[in-house]
């Protein structure tokens, strides 16, 4: 099944996507869309739910994300274009929860940024606690899959010490959604086509089959170092075609650009890139 959260920021309601692609309102069944709430729904008939009329904003598709664990350089061609060694173990880093935003919300370039970049990635939402998990059992810990854009400020990531999180955790740098799609509907997570366009030009084309470390390996590996709880989000690396790797000259995001990206079976996102502004006390996500 496909689940979503829709509505104005901070007022999102839980929804289900029916066979025709319409949003069905789940707010009469659950208060919000969490991993636990999805489990409580059982085999729900979408046709019994009210249809949501008109165009609505999609929010982050699951509430209660406790942490974002990211895997870097997980596609060999991306490691090569980044002029970095091909990993022999998964490269782990964290993205700030404050970087979460809806799939079609604006992406804001950080103050004084000159090296903001894009990365389409498969997102994995954890469904049950994972601690020292075996690879053979790893996929049973998945609640669902989603699309993520691991937006990155390359100068902050690479030129301000060795801590990648400096370039990965800026506000609006983790658009997620539009949907959380359950494993039974996705099937094999290692056979999903991926793409990303900037201003209508194809930049990234890939398939999850070319990951260096597949989803079950990533879950098992991360769970040796960090306990994963229901609702936690793993983002699993990007295929080649990022702006930093473009030849003969790198290409970076600027205000006015549009990113469109998607993964087979998981839907598409589109973000307008805007200049930095002072958000004050505004809360994203």
C-alpha atoms as a PDB file:
ATOM      1  CA  UNK A   1       0.000   0.000   0.000  1.00  0.00           C
ATOM      2  CA  UNK A   2       0.968   3.633  -0.413  1.00  0.00           C
ATOM      3  CA  UNK A   3       0.620   5.931   2.589  1.00  0.00           C
ATOM      4  CA  UNK A   4       1.125   9.686   2.789  1.00  0.00           C
ATOM      5  CA  UNK A   5       0.672  12.751   4.960  1.00  0.00           C
ATOM      6  CA  UNK A   6      -0.985  15.729   3.320  1.00  0.00           C
ATOM      7  CA  UNK A   7      -1.955  19.280   4.148  1.00  0.00           C
ATOM      8  CA  UNK A   8      -0.322  22.494   5.360  1.00  0.00           C
ATOM      9  CA  UNK A   9       2.981  22.249   7.230  1.00  0.00           C
ATOM     10  CA  UNK A  10       2.324  21.325  10.840  1.00  0.00           C
ATOM     11  CA  UNK A  11      -1.285  20.335  10.097  1.00  0.00           C
ATOM     12  CA  UNK A  12      -0.721  17.207   8.003  1.00  0.00           C
ATOM     13  CA  UNK A  13      -3.358  14.476   7.959  1.00  0.00           C
ATOM     14  CA  UNK A  14      -2.786  10.769   7.292  1.00  0.00           C
ATOM     15  CA  UNK A  15      -3.732   9.450   3.878  1.00  0.00           C
ATOM     16  CA  UNK A  16      -3.708   6.391   1.660  1.00  0.00           C
ATOM     17  CA  UNK A  17      -3.210   6.393  -2.128  1.00  0.00           C
ATOM     18  CA  UNK A  18      -5.858   4.289  -3.879  1.00  0.00           C
ATOM     19  CA  UNK A  19      -5.537   2.285  -7.099  1.00  0.00           C
ATOM     20  CA  UNK A  20      -6.505   5.349  -9.171  1.00  0.00           C
ATOM     21  CA  UNK A  21      -3.871   7.546  -7.526  1.00  0.00           C
ATOM     22  CA  UNK A  22      -6.313   9.550  -5.422  1.00  0.00           C
ATOM     23  CA  UNK A  23      -5.657  10.370  -1.768  1.00  0.00           C
ATOM     24  CA  UNK A  24      -8.058   8.760   0.690  1.00  0.00           C
ATOM     25  CA  UNK A  25      -8.413  10.374   4.122  1.00  0.00           C
ATOM     26  CA  UNK A  26      -7.289   8.167   7.018  1.00  0.00           C
ATOM     27  CA  UNK A  27      -7.911  10.711   9.770  1.00  0.00           C
ATOM     28  CA  UNK A  28     -11.076   8.896  10.827  1.00  0.00           C
ATOM     29  CA  UNK A  29      -9.011   5.780  11.514  1.00  0.00           C
ATOM     30  CA  UNK A  30      -5.709   7.098  12.932  1.00  0.00           C
ATOM     31  CA  UNK A  31      -4.493  10.428  14.305  1.00  0.00           C
ATOM     32  CA  UNK A  32      -1.313  10.560  12.219  1.00  0.00           C
ATOM     33  CA  UNK A  33       0.793   8.293  10.066  1.00  0.00           C
ATOM     34  CA  UNK A  34       3.392   6.539  12.193  1.00  0.00           C
ATOM     35  CA  UNK A  35       4.841   3.063  11.775  1.00  0.00           C
ATOM     36  CA  UNK A  36       2.737   1.870  14.723  1.00  0.00           C
ATOM     37  CA  UNK A  37      -0.421   3.427  13.253  1.00  0.00           C
ATOM     38  CA  UNK A  38       0.144   1.681   9.916  1.00  0.00           C
ATOM     39  CA  UNK A  39       0.447  -1.641  11.726  1.00  0.00           C
ATOM     40  CA  UNK A  40      -2.845  -0.974  13.515  1.00  0.00           C
ATOM     41  CA  UNK A  41      -4.776  -0.492  10.270  1.00  0.00           C
ATOM     42  CA  UNK A  42      -4.620  -4.102   9.165  1.00  0.00           C
ATOM     43  CA  UNK A  43      -6.162  -4.873   5.755  1.00  0.00           C
ATOM     44  CA  UNK A  44      -8.049  -1.635   5.192  1.00  0.00           C
ATOM     45  CA  UNK A  45     -10.297  -1.160   2.141  1.00  0.00           C
ATOM     46  CA  UNK A  46      -9.368   2.126   0.468  1.00  0.00           C
ATOM     47  CA  UNK A  47     -12.805   2.376  -1.165  1.00  0.00           C
ATOM     48  CA  UNK A  48     -14.398   2.867   2.251  1.00  0.00           C
ATOM     49  CA  UNK A  49     -12.368   6.026   2.931  1.00  0.00           C
ATOM     50  CA  UNK A  50     -13.290   9.587   1.892  1.00  0.00           C
ATOM     51  CA  UNK A  51     -11.596  10.951  -1.231  1.00  0.00           C
ATOM     52  CA  UNK A  52      -9.482  14.082  -0.715  1.00  0.00           C
ATOM     53  CA  UNK A  53     -10.536  16.617  -3.335  1.00  0.00           C
ATOM     54  CA  UNK A  54      -8.300  19.154  -5.064  1.00  0.00           C
ATOM     55  CA  UNK A  55      -4.541  19.607  -5.041  1.00  0.00           C
ATOM     56  CA  UNK A  56      -2.837  19.287  -1.671  1.00  0.00           C
ATOM     57  CA  UNK A  57       0.655  19.601  -0.302  1.00  0.00           C
ATOM     58  CA  UNK A  58       2.441  16.342   0.563  1.00  0.00           C
ATOM     59  CA  UNK A  59       4.363  16.321   3.827  1.00  0.00           C
ATOM     60  CA  UNK A  60       7.081  13.954   4.990  1.00  0.00           C
ATOM     61  CA  UNK A  61       5.178  10.650   4.605  1.00  0.00           C
ATOM     62  CA  UNK A  62       5.748   9.274   8.102  1.00  0.00           C
ATOM     63  CA  UNK A  63       5.668  11.069  11.425  1.00  0.00           C
ATOM     64  CA  UNK A  64       8.109  10.215  14.194  1.00  0.00           C
ATOM     65  CA  UNK A  65      11.398   9.898  12.301  1.00  0.00           C
ATOM     66  CA  UNK A  66      13.870   9.665  15.155  1.00  0.00           C
ATOM     67  CA  UNK A  67      17.085   9.877  13.144  1.00  0.00           C
ATOM     68  CA  UNK A  68      18.376   9.924   9.591  1.00  0.00           C
ATOM     69  CA  UNK A  69      21.303   7.607   8.878  1.00  0.00           C
ATOM     70  CA  UNK A  70      22.833   8.059   5.437  1.00  0.00           C
ATOM     71  CA  UNK A  71      25.188   5.905   3.387  1.00  0.00           C
ATOM     72  CA  UNK A  72      27.718   7.686   1.191  1.00  0.00           C
ATOM     73  CA  UNK A  73      29.485   6.597  -1.999  1.00  0.00           C
ATOM     74  CA  UNK A  74      27.291   3.493  -2.339  1.00  0.00           C
ATOM     75  CA  UNK A  75      27.398   3.447  -6.145  1.00  0.00           C
ATOM     76  CA  UNK A  76      30.823   2.755  -7.668  1.00  0.00           C
ATOM     77  CA  UNK A  77      30.466   5.310 -10.479  1.00  0.00           C
ATOM     78  CA  UNK A  78      29.499   7.998  -7.972  1.00  0.00           C
ATOM     79  CA  UNK A  79      32.612   7.278  -5.885  1.00  0.00           C
ATOM     80  CA  UNK A  80      34.719   7.569  -9.033  1.00  0.00           C
ATOM     81  CA  UNK A  81      33.144  10.884 -10.107  1.00  0.00           C
ATOM     82  CA  UNK A  82      33.713  12.177  -6.556  1.00  0.00           C
ATOM     83  CA  UNK A  83      37.446  11.304  -6.810  1.00  0.00           C
ATOM     84  CA  UNK A  84      37.142   9.167  -3.692  1.00  0.00           C
ATOM     85  CA  UNK A  85      38.132   5.549  -3.052  1.00  0.00           C
ATOM     86  CA  UNK A  86      35.493   2.879  -3.656  1.00  0.00           C
ATOM     87  CA  UNK A  87      34.351   1.893  -0.137  1.00  0.00           C
ATOM     88  CA  UNK A  88      35.136  -1.519   1.274  1.00  0.00           C
ATOM     89  CA  UNK A  89      32.630  -0.920   4.095  1.00  0.00           C
ATOM     90  CA  UNK A  90      29.532   1.312   4.095  1.00  0.00           C
ATOM     91  CA  UNK A  91      30.326   4.993   4.681  1.00  0.00           C
ATOM     92  CA  UNK A  92      27.928   6.249   7.373  1.00  0.00           C
ATOM     93  CA  UNK A  93      26.948   9.797   8.277  1.00  0.00           C
ATOM     94  CA  UNK A  94      23.958  11.520   9.862  1.00  0.00           C
ATOM     95  CA  UNK A  95      21.619  14.159   8.473  1.00  0.00           C
ATOM     96  CA  UNK A  96      19.920  16.521  10.897  1.00  0.00           C
ATOM     97  CA  UNK A  97      16.216  16.008  11.563  1.00  0.00           C
ATOM     98  CA  UNK A  98      15.834  19.739  10.963  1.00  0.00           C
ATOM     99  CA  UNK A  99      16.723  19.108   7.292  1.00  0.00           C
ATOM    100  CA  UNK A 100      13.478  17.156   6.731  1.00  0.00           C
ATOM    101  CA  UNK A 101      10.913  18.710   4.426  1.00  0.00           C
ATOM    102  CA  UNK A 102       8.070  17.660   2.165  1.00  0.00           C
ATOM    103  CA  UNK A 103       8.802  16.220  -1.274  1.00  0.00           C
ATOM    104  CA  UNK A 104       7.651  19.286  -3.210  1.00  0.00           C
ATOM    105  CA  UNK A 105       8.591  22.015  -0.735  1.00  0.00           C
ATOM    106  CA  UNK A 106      11.224  24.617  -1.586  1.00  0.00           C
ATOM    107  CA  UNK A 107      14.894  23.759  -1.164  1.00  0.00           C
ATOM    108  CA  UNK A 108      16.754  26.720   0.304  1.00  0.00           C
ATOM    109  CA  UNK A 109      20.399  27.306  -0.560  1.00  0.00           C
ATOM    110  CA  UNK A 110      22.402  27.945   2.631  1.00  0.00           C
ATOM    111  CA  UNK A 111      23.712  31.427   3.383  1.00  0.00           C
ATOM    112  CA  UNK A 112      26.728  32.237   1.155  1.00  0.00           C
ATOM    113  CA  UNK A 113      26.581  28.773  -0.488  1.00  0.00           C
ATOM    114  CA  UNK A 114      28.232  28.248  -3.858  1.00  0.00           C
ATOM    115  CA  UNK A 115      28.345  24.428  -3.999  1.00  0.00           C
ATOM    116  CA  UNK A 116      24.835  23.075  -3.350  1.00  0.00           C
ATOM    117  CA  UNK A 117      24.189  19.764  -5.115  1.00  0.00           C
ATOM    118  CA  UNK A 118      21.531  17.083  -5.649  1.00  0.00           C
ATOM    119  CA  UNK A 119      21.337  13.331  -4.908  1.00  0.00           C
ATOM    120  CA  UNK A 120      18.345  11.083  -5.625  1.00  0.00           C
ATOM    121  CA  UNK A 121      18.294   8.219  -3.097  1.00  0.00           C
ATOM    122  CA  UNK A 122      16.209   5.259  -1.994  1.00  0.00           C
ATOM    123  CA  UNK A 123      14.877   5.863   1.511  1.00  0.00           C
ATOM    124  CA  UNK A 124      14.158   2.967   3.871  1.00  0.00           C
ATOM    125  CA  UNK A 125      11.857   3.449   6.858  1.00  0.00           C
ATOM    126  CA  UNK A 126      12.492   1.038   9.711  1.00  0.00           C
ATOM    127  CA  UNK A 127       9.486  -0.910  10.994  1.00  0.00           C
ATOM    128  CA  UNK A 128      10.851  -2.667  14.063  1.00  0.00           C
ATOM    129  CA  UNK A 129      13.863  -2.289  16.312  1.00  0.00           C
ATOM    130  CA  UNK A 130      17.070  -3.405  14.593  1.00  0.00           C
ATOM    131  CA  UNK A 131      20.076  -4.181  16.781  1.00  0.00           C
ATOM    132  CA  UNK A 132      22.830  -6.534  15.547  1.00  0.00           C
ATOM    133  CA  UNK A 133      20.542  -7.784  12.794  1.00  0.00           C
ATOM    134  CA  UNK A 134      21.612 -10.604  10.448  1.00  0.00           C
ATOM    135  CA  UNK A 135      21.490  -9.879   6.726  1.00  0.00           C
ATOM    136  CA  UNK A 136      19.114 -12.778   6.192  1.00  0.00           C
ATOM    137  CA  UNK A 137      16.578 -11.161   8.525  1.00  0.00           C
ATOM    138  CA  UNK A 138      17.250  -7.511   7.707  1.00  0.00           C
ATOM    139  CA  UNK A 139      14.402  -6.837   5.258  1.00  0.00           C
ATOM    140  CA  UNK A 140      11.843  -8.006   7.831  1.00  0.00           C
ATOM    141  CA  UNK A 141      12.717  -4.808   9.731  1.00  0.00           C
ATOM    142  CA  UNK A 142      11.489  -2.549   6.894  1.00  0.00           C
ATOM    143  CA  UNK A 143       8.163  -0.698   7.187  1.00  0.00           C
ATOM    144  CA  UNK A 144       8.407   0.762   3.720  1.00  0.00           C
ATOM    145  CA  UNK A 145      10.371   2.620   1.076  1.00  0.00           C
ATOM    146  CA  UNK A 146      10.332   6.217  -0.121  1.00  0.00           C
ATOM    147  CA  UNK A 147      12.157   8.757  -2.280  1.00  0.00           C
ATOM    148  CA  UNK A 148      14.731  11.080  -0.720  1.00  0.00           C
ATOM    149  CA  UNK A 149      16.846  13.912  -2.099  1.00  0.00           C
ATOM    150  CA  UNK A 150      20.111  14.056  -0.144  1.00  0.00           C
ATOM    151  CA  UNK A 151      20.803  17.705  -0.960  1.00  0.00           C
ATOM    152  CA  UNK A 152      24.416  18.546  -0.123  1.00  0.00           C
ATOM    153  CA  UNK A 153      26.587  21.658   0.153  1.00  0.00           C
ATOM    154  CA  UNK A 154      29.891  20.284  -1.140  1.00  0.00           C
ATOM    155  CA  UNK A 155      32.200  23.000   0.183  1.00  0.00           C
ATOM    156  CA  UNK A 156      30.820  22.635   3.703  1.00  0.00           C
ATOM    157  CA  UNK A 157      30.876  18.855   3.341  1.00  0.00           C
ATOM    158  CA  UNK A 158      34.468  18.511   2.196  1.00  0.00           C
ATOM    159  CA  UNK A 159      36.402  21.710   2.838  1.00  0.00           C
ATOM    160  CA  UNK A 160      35.468  22.415   6.450  1.00  0.00           C
ATOM    161  CA  UNK A 161      37.103  19.435   8.079  1.00  0.00           C
ATOM    162  CA  UNK A 162      36.121  15.819   7.594  1.00  0.00           C
ATOM    163  CA  UNK A 163      32.600  15.941   9.050  1.00  0.00           C
ATOM    164  CA  UNK A 164      30.182  15.480   6.156  1.00  0.00           C
ATOM    165  CA  UNK A 165      27.187  16.461   8.300  1.00  0.00           C
ATOM    166  CA  UNK A 166      28.253  20.112   7.974  1.00  0.00           C
ATOM    167  CA  UNK A 167      27.204  20.010   4.327  1.00  0.00           C
ATOM    168  CA  UNK A 168      24.303  17.584   4.662  1.00  0.00           C
ATOM    169  CA  UNK A 169      22.153  18.930   7.463  1.00  0.00           C
ATOM    170  CA  UNK A 170      21.111  22.386   6.286  1.00  0.00           C
ATOM    171  CA  UNK A 171      17.436  23.354   6.480  1.00  0.00           C
ATOM    172  CA  UNK A 172      15.348  21.812   3.632  1.00  0.00           C
ATOM    173  CA  UNK A 173      18.196  19.465   2.626  1.00  0.00           C
ATOM    174  CA  UNK A 174      16.202  16.233   3.033  1.00  0.00           C
ATOM    175  CA  UNK A 175      12.985  16.243   0.995  1.00  0.00           C
ATOM    176  CA  UNK A 176      11.205  12.917   1.583  1.00  0.00           C
ATOM    177  CA  UNK A 177       8.135  11.403  -0.082  1.00  0.00           C
ATOM    178  CA  UNK A 178       5.596  11.654  -1.589  1.00  0.00           C
ATOM    179  CA  UNK A 179       4.626   8.257  -0.217  1.00  0.00           C
ATOM    180  CA  UNK A 180       5.713   5.475   2.085  1.00  0.00           C
ATOM    181  CA  UNK A 181       5.242   2.300   0.035  1.00  0.00           C
ATOM    182  CA  UNK A 182       5.008  -1.015   1.864  1.00  0.00           C
ATOM    183  CA  UNK A 183       7.469  -3.803   1.013  1.00  0.00           C
ATOM    184  CA  UNK A 184       4.804  -6.088  -0.472  1.00  0.00           C
ATOM    185  CA  UNK A 185       4.023  -3.476  -3.133  1.00  0.00           C
ATOM    186  CA  UNK A 186       7.683  -2.655  -3.868  1.00  0.00           C
ATOM    187  CA  UNK A 187       8.965  -6.212  -4.182  1.00  0.00           C
ATOM    188  CA  UNK A 188      12.715  -6.365  -4.763  1.00  0.00           C
ATOM    189  CA  UNK A 189      14.276  -3.096  -3.516  1.00  0.00           C
ATOM    190  CA  UNK A 190      17.346  -3.874  -5.630  1.00  0.00           C
ATOM    191  CA  UNK A 191      15.561  -3.414  -8.946  1.00  0.00           C
ATOM    192  CA  UNK A 192      14.239   0.143  -8.914  1.00  0.00           C
ATOM    193  CA  UNK A 193      14.999   2.695 -11.633  1.00  0.00           C
ATOM    194  CA  UNK A 194      15.996   6.185 -10.413  1.00  0.00           C
ATOM    195  CA  UNK A 195      16.313   9.574 -12.089  1.00  0.00           C
ATOM    196  CA  UNK A 196      16.885  13.248 -11.348  1.00  0.00           C
ATOM    197  CA  UNK A 197      16.471  16.249 -13.648  1.00  0.00           C
ATOM    198  CA  UNK A 198      17.571  19.850 -13.113  1.00  0.00           C
ATOM    199  CA  UNK A 199      15.688  22.454 -15.157  1.00  0.00           C
ATOM    200  CA  UNK A 200      14.377  19.675 -17.385  1.00  0.00           C
ATOM    201  CA  UNK A 201      17.822  18.217 -18.162  1.00  0.00           C
ATOM    202  CA  UNK A 202      18.502  14.627 -17.105  1.00  0.00           C
ATOM    203  CA  UNK A 203      21.384  14.585 -14.631  1.00  0.00           C
ATOM    204  CA  UNK A 204      21.101  11.224 -12.883  1.00  0.00           C
ATOM    205  CA  UNK A 205      19.958   7.876 -14.225  1.00  0.00           C
ATOM    206  CA  UNK A 206      20.468   4.732 -12.194  1.00  0.00           C
ATOM    207  CA  UNK A 207      19.049   1.573 -10.695  1.00  0.00           C
ATOM    208  CA  UNK A 208      19.321   0.277  -7.148  1.00  0.00           C
ATOM    209  CA  UNK A 209      20.765  -2.983  -8.478  1.00  0.00           C
ATOM    210  CA  UNK A 210      24.124  -1.204  -8.863  1.00  0.00           C
ATOM    211  CA  UNK A 211      24.490  -0.400  -5.151  1.00  0.00           C
ATOM    212  CA  UNK A 212      27.801  -1.553  -3.702  1.00  0.00           C
ATOM    213  CA  UNK A 213      26.027  -2.537  -0.473  1.00  0.00           C
ATOM    214  CA  UNK A 214      22.381  -3.527  -0.850  1.00  0.00           C
ATOM    215  CA  UNK A 215      19.545  -2.677   1.534  1.00  0.00           C
ATOM    216  CA  UNK A 216      19.833  -5.810   3.648  1.00  0.00           C
ATOM    217  CA  UNK A 217      23.594  -5.331   3.993  1.00  0.00           C
ATOM    218  CA  UNK A 218      23.116  -1.686   4.987  1.00  0.00           C
ATOM    219  CA  UNK A 219      20.539  -2.471   7.674  1.00  0.00           C
ATOM    220  CA  UNK A 220      22.677  -5.260   9.108  1.00  0.00           C
ATOM    221  CA  UNK A 221      25.806  -3.101   9.060  1.00  0.00           C
ATOM    222  CA  UNK A 222      24.284   0.035  10.577  1.00  0.00           C
ATOM    223  CA  UNK A 223      22.604  -2.023  13.298  1.00  0.00           C
ATOM    224  CA  UNK A 224      26.034  -3.072  14.584  1.00  0.00           C
ATOM    225  CA  UNK A 225      26.817   0.539  15.487  1.00  0.00           C
ATOM    226  CA  UNK A 226      23.478   2.333  15.884  1.00  0.00           C
ATOM    227  CA  UNK A 227      20.228   0.835  17.123  1.00  0.00           C
ATOM    228  CA  UNK A 228      17.504   1.552  14.590  1.00  0.00           C
ATOM    229  CA  UNK A 229      14.006   2.160  15.942  1.00  0.00           C
ATOM    230  CA  UNK A 230      10.606   2.133  14.212  1.00  0.00           C
ATOM    231  CA  UNK A 231      10.318   5.256  12.081  1.00  0.00           C
ATOM    232  CA  UNK A 232      14.046   5.816  11.642  1.00  0.00           C
ATOM    233  CA  UNK A 233      15.069   6.672   8.084  1.00  0.00           C
ATOM    234  CA  UNK A 234      17.999   5.202   6.158  1.00  0.00           C
ATOM    235  CA  UNK A 235      19.033   6.842   2.888  1.00  0.00           C
ATOM    236  CA  UNK A 236      21.139   4.526   0.827  1.00  0.00           C
ATOM    237  CA  UNK A 237      23.380   6.442  -1.559  1.00  0.00           C
ATOM    238  CA  UNK A 238      23.088   8.037  -4.986  1.00  0.00           C
ATOM    239  CA  UNK A 239      23.973   6.942  -8.523  1.00  0.00           C
ATOM    240  CA  UNK A 240      26.370   8.987 -10.687  1.00  0.00           C
ATOM    241  CA  UNK A 241      25.417  12.325 -12.174  1.00  0.00           C
ATOM    242  CA  UNK A 242      25.719  14.766  -9.285  1.00  0.00           C
ATOM    243  CA  UNK A 243      26.645  18.343 -10.098  1.00  0.00           C
ATOM    244  CA  UNK A 244      30.060  18.119  -8.483  1.00  0.00           C
ATOM    245  CA  UNK A 245      31.027  15.340 -10.879  1.00  0.00           C
ATOM    246  CA  UNK A 246      30.027  17.053 -14.127  1.00  0.00           C
ATOM    247  CA  UNK A 247      32.778  17.449 -16.728  1.00  0.00           C
ATOM    248  CA  UNK A 248      34.457  19.618 -17.832  1.00  0.00           C
ATOM    249  CA  UNK A 249      33.008  21.893 -15.144  1.00  0.00           C
ATOM    250  CA  UNK A 250      30.977  21.177 -12.037  1.00  0.00           C
ATOM    251  CA  UNK A 251      27.388  22.441 -11.935  1.00  0.00           C
ATOM    252  CA  UNK A 252      25.819  23.617  -8.693  1.00  0.00           C
ATOM    253  CA  UNK A 253      22.318  24.688  -7.743  1.00  0.00           C
ATOM    254  CA  UNK A 254      21.236  28.316  -7.832  1.00  0.00           C
ATOM    255  CA  UNK A 255      18.050  30.130  -6.894  1.00  0.00           C
ATOM    256  CA  UNK A 256      15.408  29.607  -9.570  1.00  0.00           C
ATOM    257  CA  UNK A 257      16.486  26.067 -10.467  1.00  0.00           C
ATOM    258  CA  UNK A 258      13.971  23.205 -10.392  1.00  0.00           C
ATOM    259  CA  UNK A 259      14.800  19.636  -9.386  1.00  0.00           C
ATOM    260  CA  UNK A 260      12.533  16.758 -10.415  1.00  0.00           C
ATOM    261  CA  UNK A 261      13.374  13.252  -9.239  1.00  0.00           C
ATOM    262  CA  UNK A 262      11.776   9.874  -8.772  1.00  0.00           C
ATOM    263  CA  UNK A 263      12.125   6.161  -8.179  1.00  0.00           C
ATOM    264  CA  UNK A 264      10.038   3.444  -9.833  1.00  0.00           C
ATOM    265  CA  UNK A 265       7.021   2.411  -7.704  1.00  0.00           C
ATOM    266  CA  UNK A 266       7.784   5.146  -5.137  1.00  0.00           C
ATOM    267  CA  UNK A 267       6.636   8.292  -6.928  1.00  0.00           C
ATOM    268  CA  UNK A 268       8.257  11.613  -7.809  1.00  0.00           C
ATOM    269  CA  UNK A 269       9.314  14.848  -6.135  1.00  0.00           C
ATOM    270  CA  UNK A 270       9.808  18.362  -7.490  1.00  0.00           C
ATOM    271  CA  UNK A 271      11.512  21.226  -5.681  1.00  0.00           C
ATOM    272  CA  UNK A 272      12.045  24.860  -6.535  1.00  0.00           C
ATOM    273  CA  UNK A 273      15.439  26.130  -5.351  1.00  0.00           C
ATOM    274  CA  UNK A 274      15.305  29.456  -3.496  1.00  0.00           C
ATOM    275  CA  UNK A 275      17.849  31.796  -1.956  1.00  0.00           C
ATOM    276  CA  UNK A 276      18.612  31.730   1.758  1.00  0.00           C
ATOM    277  CA  UNK A 277      16.256  33.618   4.017  1.00  0.00           C
ATOM    278  CA  UNK A 278      16.008  33.906   7.777  1.00  0.00           C
ATOM    279  CA  UNK A 279      13.372  31.379   8.852  1.00  0.00           C
ATOM    280  CA  UNK A 280      13.179  32.728  12.375  1.00  0.00           C
ATOM    281  CA  UNK A 281      11.277  30.248  14.543  1.00  0.00           C
ATOM    282  CA  UNK A 282       9.714  28.429  11.597  1.00  0.00           C
ATOM    283  CA  UNK A 283       9.879  24.651  12.001  1.00  0.00           C
ATOM    284  CA  UNK A 284      10.350  22.511   8.911  1.00  0.00           C
ATOM    285  CA  UNK A 285       9.554  18.833   8.388  1.00  0.00           C
END
